[in-house]
Amino acid sequence: MKKKQSLFLKYERTRKILKTIVMNSTLPHQLREKAQTELNQLPRDTSIVRHKNLCILTGRSKSLFSGYKLSRLMLQKLSRDGMLTGFRKSS
């Protein structure tokens, strides 16, 4: 999974530039078509759709709090232990 993540970060800027060229309808058709072929030749794993967010402690992919990059279970455990600031027991 780390390999996909590093590959995504490596090509992120190039992919965004090519996508904006392809989506811009004011540019000439040939330029947009060339950008589309270049975009198709990039590795598939560089797409944002294939990028999966994971918990940084456990690697769990479900029920992730994106602001903390932690799964629901680890967020609960760390806040209960007082390791995260700003969290309080509700009852």
Protein backbone atom coordinates (compact mmCIF):
# COMPACT_ATOMS: atom_id res chain seq x y z
CA MET A 1 0.00 0.00 0.00
CA LYS A 2 2.91 2.36 0.69
CA LYS A 3 4.09 1.83 -2.89
CA LYS A 4 0.74 3.01 -4.28
CA GLN A 5 0.80 6.01 -1.98
CA SER A 6 4.29 7.09 -3.04
CA LEU A 7 3.42 6.54 -6.71
CA PHE A 8 0.30 8.69 -6.30
CA LEU A 9 2.30 11.51 -4.70
CA LYS A 10 4.94 11.34 -7.43
CA TYR A 11 2.47 11.81 -10.30
CA GLU A 12 -0.21 13.91 -8.56
CA ARG A 13 0.87 17.26 -9.98
CA THR A 14 1.34 15.95 -13.54
CA ARG A 15 -2.06 14.25 -13.45
CA LYS A 16 -3.81 17.42 -12.21
CA ILE A 17 -2.22 19.56 -14.94
CA LEU A 18 -3.19 17.11 -17.67
CA LYS A 19 -6.74 16.80 -16.30
CA THR A 20 -7.23 20.59 -16.36
CA ILE A 21 -5.99 20.75 -19.97
CA VAL A 22 -8.36 17.97 -21.01
CA MET A 23 -11.37 19.54 -19.25
CA ASN A 24 -10.73 23.08 -20.60
CA SER A 25 -13.06 23.46 -23.58
CA THR A 26 -11.49 26.76 -24.73
CA LEU A 27 -8.22 25.07 -25.73
CA PRO A 28 -7.72 23.58 -29.22
CA HIS A 29 -8.97 20.03 -29.75
CA GLN A 30 -5.53 18.69 -30.76
CA LEU A 31 -3.90 19.94 -27.56
CA ARG A 32 -6.66 18.41 -25.43
CA GLU A 33 -6.39 15.12 -27.31
CA LYS A 34 -2.61 15.00 -26.81
CA ALA A 35 -3.05 15.68 -23.08
CA GLN A 36 -5.60 12.85 -22.92
CA THR A 37 -3.19 10.36 -24.50
CA GLU A 38 -0.46 11.41 -22.07
CA LEU A 39 -2.91 11.01 -19.21
CA ASN A 40 -3.78 7.51 -20.42
CA GLN A 41 -0.10 6.54 -20.46
CA LEU A 42 0.42 7.35 -16.77
CA PRO A 43 0.39 4.37 -14.40
CA ARG A 44 -3.09 3.43 -13.18
CA ASP A 45 -2.10 3.49 -9.53
CA THR A 46 -1.44 7.23 -9.76
CA SER A 47 -5.17 7.94 -9.89
CA ILE A 48 -6.88 9.42 -6.82
CA VAL A 49 -9.60 6.77 -7.14
CA ARG A 50 -7.10 4.01 -6.42
CA HIS A 51 -5.65 5.81 -3.41
CA LYS A 52 -7.01 4.38 -0.16
CA ASN A 53 -6.85 6.16 3.18
CA LEU A 54 -5.61 3.97 6.02
CA CYS A 55 -5.27 4.34 9.77
CA ILE A 56 -1.68 5.34 10.56
CA LEU A 57 -1.53 3.07 13.61
CA THR A 58 -3.37 -0.08 12.58
CA GLY A 59 -3.70 0.10 8.79
CA ARG A 60 -7.49 -0.28 9.05
CA SER A 61 -9.32 1.17 6.05
CA LYS A 62 -12.87 1.37 7.37
CA SER A 63 -14.40 4.09 9.56
CA LEU A 64 -11.52 6.52 9.24
CA PHE A 65 -11.51 10.04 10.69
CA SER A 66 -9.67 11.95 7.98
CA GLY A 67 -8.65 14.88 10.17
CA TYR A 68 -6.67 12.56 12.42
CA LYS A 69 -5.94 9.72 9.95
CA LEU A 70 -7.08 7.33 12.67
CA SER A 71 -9.74 4.64 12.65
CA ARG A 72 -12.76 4.98 14.89
CA LEU A 73 -11.40 2.35 17.27
CA MET A 74 -7.98 3.96 17.72
CA LEU A 75 -9.52 7.42 18.07
CA GLN A 76 -11.74 6.07 20.84
CA LYS A 77 -8.86 4.32 22.60
CA LEU A 78 -6.44 7.26 22.42
CA SER A 79 -9.04 9.77 23.57
CA ARG A 80 -10.07 7.51 26.45
CA ASP A 81 -6.43 7.23 27.53
CA GLY A 82 -6.05 11.02 27.34
CA MET A 83 -3.51 10.96 24.52
CA LEU A 84 -5.57 13.29 22.28
CA THR A 85 -6.33 16.82 23.41
CA GLY A 86 -9.81 18.28 23.13
CA PHE A 87 -11.67 15.00 23.62
CA ARG A 88 -13.87 14.33 26.57
CA LYS A 89 -15.92 11.40 27.79
CA SER A 90 -19.54 12.07 26.94
CA SER A 91 -21.15 10.42 29.96
